[in-house]
């Protein structure tokens, strides 16, 4: 029986549209160009960083972020806040908690994302980031941390994310149940892959989780 639901962050809870638009402006290209390259690299299973290197082969993203911070110290830049939440997040997470489920956020995010997520005052039991843990998906150690912070057996955990490679397959290998969310470029692309059948459910939004859980628990 599922007792805890654990959520990825980017394109699961947080829309990255504004972030990529801001990056495009920073790099001097249209949002269409950068987002098209991100979609292309996603389809080819290439690193997200390759989309940036196709635009500027000499780009050092870390150095560029530091320069961006100096240029715009008070701006949101490539960070996120509550305005970037998908519209279904608060209501869907609250419904899961009202149903008696433990709700946790744990995704591949920099340390600063922890404060941003906590500041949103979401209806969750805890928030965790890969940088905070020192281990990132799809490393099995990440999912061992998920089980540890939940205090549950792996089979009692549903991990929700938008990627087969980073979310569904490694979470299933750790013994967890999984949900693939058809959201964002990876979500739509990965839902069409044969490996998507590994997921216990494929959903189009977070509201669909609770009804689907009632079918598998």
Protein backbone atom coordinates (compact mmCIF):
# COMPACT_ATOMS: atom_id res chain seq x y z
CA UNK A 1 0.00 0.00 0.00
CA UNK A 2 1.33 3.43 -0.95
CA UNK A 3 1.94 5.60 2.12
CA UNK A 4 4.19 8.34 0.70
CA UNK A 5 4.21 10.29 -2.56
CA UNK A 6 7.51 11.92 -3.53
CA UNK A 7 7.78 14.58 -6.23
CA UNK A 8 10.48 15.67 -8.62
CA UNK A 9 10.70 19.46 -9.08
CA UNK A 10 11.46 20.77 -12.60
CA UNK A 11 8.54 20.28 -15.01
CA UNK A 12 6.74 18.28 -12.31
CA UNK A 13 5.96 21.04 -9.82
CA UNK A 14 7.78 23.98 -11.42
CA UNK A 15 7.23 25.26 -14.95
CA UNK A 16 10.58 26.17 -16.47
CA UNK A 17 9.11 28.35 -19.23
CA UNK A 18 10.12 31.63 -17.59
CA UNK A 19 13.59 30.34 -16.71
CA UNK A 20 14.36 29.26 -20.29
CA UNK A 21 12.93 32.52 -21.63
CA UNK A 22 15.25 34.43 -19.30
CA UNK A 23 18.21 32.29 -20.40
CA UNK A 24 17.38 32.93 -24.08
CA UNK A 25 17.39 36.67 -23.52
CA UNK A 26 20.66 36.41 -21.63
CA UNK A 27 22.21 34.50 -24.54
CA UNK A 28 20.80 36.87 -27.16
CA UNK A 29 18.49 34.43 -28.96
CA UNK A 30 14.72 34.05 -29.14
CA UNK A 31 13.00 31.75 -26.63
CA UNK A 32 11.84 29.65 -29.62
CA UNK A 33 15.45 28.90 -30.57
CA UNK A 34 16.61 27.86 -27.11
CA UNK A 35 13.49 25.83 -26.33
CA UNK A 36 13.73 24.14 -29.72
CA UNK A 37 17.31 23.13 -28.95
CA UNK A 38 16.30 21.87 -25.49
CA UNK A 39 13.58 19.76 -27.10
CA UNK A 40 16.05 18.44 -29.65
CA UNK A 41 18.62 17.43 -27.06
CA UNK A 42 15.87 15.80 -24.99
CA UNK A 43 14.72 13.77 -27.99
CA UNK A 44 18.29 12.65 -28.69
CA UNK A 45 19.05 11.83 -25.03
CA UNK A 46 21.77 14.46 -25.01
CA UNK A 47 22.67 16.57 -22.01
CA UNK A 48 20.70 19.76 -21.43
CA UNK A 49 24.03 21.57 -21.44
CA UNK A 50 24.45 20.58 -25.10
CA UNK A 51 21.61 22.95 -26.01
CA UNK A 52 23.65 25.83 -24.58
CA UNK A 53 26.88 24.67 -26.21
CA UNK A 54 25.19 24.52 -29.60
CA UNK A 55 24.56 28.25 -29.21
CA UNK A 56 27.89 29.13 -27.65
CA UNK A 57 30.49 26.34 -27.79
CA UNK A 58 32.75 28.20 -25.36
CA UNK A 59 30.01 28.82 -22.78
CA UNK A 60 30.83 28.17 -19.13
CA UNK A 61 27.37 28.14 -17.56
CA UNK A 62 28.66 28.54 -14.01
CA UNK A 63 30.71 31.59 -14.98
CA UNK A 64 27.78 32.96 -16.96
CA UNK A 65 25.48 32.59 -13.95
CA UNK A 66 27.96 34.50 -11.77
CA UNK A 67 28.17 37.25 -14.37
CA UNK A 68 24.38 37.33 -14.60
CA UNK A 69 24.14 37.73 -10.84
CA UNK A 70 26.54 40.67 -10.95
CA UNK A 71 24.56 42.27 -13.80
CA UNK A 72 21.15 41.71 -12.20
CA UNK A 73 21.66 41.19 -8.45
CA UNK A 74 18.03 41.80 -7.51
CA UNK A 75 16.41 39.86 -10.36
CA UNK A 76 15.06 36.31 -10.33
CA UNK A 77 17.37 35.34 -13.22
CA UNK A 78 17.36 31.52 -13.56
CA UNK A 79 15.87 30.93 -10.12
CA UNK A 80 12.21 30.14 -9.52
CA UNK A 81 9.51 31.26 -7.12
CA UNK A 82 5.84 30.56 -6.39
CA UNK A 83 4.76 32.22 -9.64
CA UNK A 84 6.47 29.36 -11.51
CA UNK A 85 4.36 26.63 -9.88
CA UNK A 86 2.08 24.70 -12.20
CA UNK A 87 -1.58 25.56 -11.44
CA UNK A 88 -2.49 22.09 -10.17
CA UNK A 89 0.28 21.79 -7.58
CA UNK A 90 -1.17 23.20 -4.37
CA UNK A 91 -4.59 21.62 -4.74
CA UNK A 92 -3.28 18.21 -5.80
CA UNK A 93 -0.68 18.02 -3.02
CA UNK A 94 -3.25 19.12 -0.45
CA UNK A 95 -5.64 16.40 -1.65
CA UNK A 96 -2.96 13.74 -1.23
CA UNK A 97 -2.25 14.86 2.33
CA UNK A 98 -5.96 15.01 3.11
CA UNK A 99 -6.15 11.39 1.99
CA UNK A 100 -3.61 10.51 4.68
CA UNK A 101 -0.54 10.25 2.46
CA UNK A 102 2.88 11.60 3.32
CA UNK A 103 3.96 14.15 0.70
CA UNK A 104 7.64 14.90 0.04
CA UNK A 105 9.56 16.96 -2.51
CA UNK A 106 12.93 15.55 -3.57
CA UNK A 107 14.57 16.42 -6.88
CA UNK A 108 17.79 17.30 -8.65
CA UNK A 109 18.13 20.94 -7.65
CA UNK A 110 20.83 23.33 -6.43
CA UNK A 111 20.94 24.18 -2.76
CA UNK A 112 19.26 27.56 -3.31
CA UNK A 113 16.12 25.76 -4.55
CA UNK A 114 15.50 24.46 -1.04
CA UNK A 115 14.82 27.94 0.32
CA UNK A 116 12.65 28.82 -2.67
CA UNK A 117 10.51 25.71 -2.23
CA UNK A 118 10.18 26.13 1.54
CA UNK A 119 9.14 29.77 1.06
CA UNK A 120 6.18 28.61 -1.06
CA UNK A 121 4.61 27.01 2.02
CA UNK A 122 3.37 24.04 0.02
CA UNK A 123 1.28 21.33 1.71
CA UNK A 124 4.20 18.90 2.06
CA UNK A 125 5.93 17.11 4.92
CA UNK A 126 9.49 17.86 3.84
CA UNK A 127 11.65 19.29 1.05
CA UNK A 128 15.00 17.93 -0.13
CA UNK A 129 17.45 18.68 -2.94
CA UNK A 130 20.23 16.69 -4.57
CA UNK A 131 22.79 19.34 -3.66
CA UNK A 132 21.65 19.20 -0.07
CA UNK A 133 22.10 15.44 -0.05
CA UNK A 134 25.30 15.37 -2.09
CA UNK A 135 23.86 12.79 -4.48
CA UNK A 136 21.73 13.22 -7.60
CA UNK A 137 19.36 11.14 -9.70
CA UNK A 138 19.64 8.61 -11.21
CA UNK A 139 22.21 7.46 -8.63
CA UNK A 140 20.71 4.72 -6.42
CA UNK A 141 21.98 6.66 -3.41
CA UNK A 142 19.44 9.40 -4.15
CA UNK A 143 16.55 6.96 -3.88
CA UNK A 144 18.04 5.43 -0.75
CA UNK A 145 17.87 8.94 0.73
CA UNK A 146 14.23 9.24 -0.38
CA UNK A 147 13.36 6.05 1.49
CA UNK A 148 15.33 7.16 4.55
CA UNK A 149 13.69 10.58 4.91
CA UNK A 150 10.23 9.11 4.38
CA UNK A 151 10.75 6.38 6.94
CA UNK A 152 8.91 4.01 4.58
CA UNK A 153 9.74 0.79 2.81
CA UNK A 154 10.50 1.42 -0.88
CA UNK A 155 7.35 -0.43 -1.94
CA UNK A 156 5.26 2.04 0.08
CA UNK A 157 6.58 5.03 -1.91
CA UNK A 158 5.31 6.45 -5.20
CA UNK A 159 7.92 8.58 -6.99
CA UNK A 160 6.48 11.11 -9.44
CA UNK A 161 8.55 12.68 -12.21
CA UNK A 162 8.62 13.67 -15.86
CA UNK A 163 11.50 11.47 -17.03
CA UNK A 164 11.96 7.76 -17.61
CA UNK A 165 15.75 7.84 -17.22
CA UNK A 166 16.03 10.01 -14.11
CA UNK A 167 12.77 9.12 -12.36
CA UNK A 168 10.86 6.01 -13.42
CA UNK A 169 13.61 3.50 -14.07
CA UNK A 170 15.92 4.27 -11.10
CA UNK A 171 13.00 4.61 -8.67
CA UNK A 172 11.58 1.28 -9.84
CA UNK A 173 15.03 -0.31 -9.50
CA UNK A 174 15.04 0.92 -5.89
CA UNK A 175 11.77 -0.97 -5.33
CA UNK A 176 9.44 2.06 -5.47
CA UNK A 177 6.22 2.51 -7.40
CA UNK A 178 6.37 5.17 -10.08
CA UNK A 179 4.27 7.74 -11.93
CA UNK A 180 5.38 9.34 -15.20
CA UNK A 181 3.97 12.83 -15.70
CA UNK A 182 3.33 13.89 -19.31
CA UNK A 183 4.50 17.45 -18.77
CA UNK A 184 7.38 19.40 -20.28
CA UNK A 185 9.53 18.18 -23.19
CA UNK A 186 10.89 15.10 -21.45
CA UNK A 187 7.47 14.07 -20.13
CA UNK A 188 5.81 14.05 -23.54
CA UNK A 189 8.77 12.43 -25.27
CA UNK A 190 9.38 9.78 -22.63
CA UNK A 191 5.72 8.78 -22.37
CA UNK A 192 6.01 7.47 -25.94
CA UNK A 193 8.99 5.25 -25.16
CA UNK A 194 8.78 1.54 -24.56
CA UNK A 195 10.36 1.98 -21.12
CA UNK A 196 7.40 4.10 -20.04
CA UNK A 197 5.48 0.86 -19.57
CA UNK A 198 7.67 0.33 -16.50
CA UNK A 199 5.73 3.10 -14.71
CA UNK A 200 2.79 2.07 -12.56
CA UNK A 201 0.86 4.99 -14.05
CA UNK A 202 1.21 7.66 -16.71
CA UNK A 203 -0.73 10.83 -15.87
CA UNK A 204 -1.40 14.11 -17.63
CA UNK A 205 -1.63 16.23 -14.47
CA UNK A 206 -1.22 15.94 -10.72
CA UNK A 207 -4.96 15.76 -10.08
CA UNK A 208 -4.92 12.32 -11.72
CA UNK A 209 -2.59 10.86 -9.09
CA UNK A 210 -5.08 10.27 -6.28
CA UNK A 211 -7.67 8.45 -8.42
CA UNK A 212 -4.90 6.36 -9.98
CA UNK A 213 -3.47 5.51 -6.56
CA UNK A 214 -6.84 4.18 -5.48
CA UNK A 215 -6.59 1.71 -8.34
CA UNK A 216 -3.18 0.31 -7.41
CA UNK A 217 -3.36 0.30 -3.59
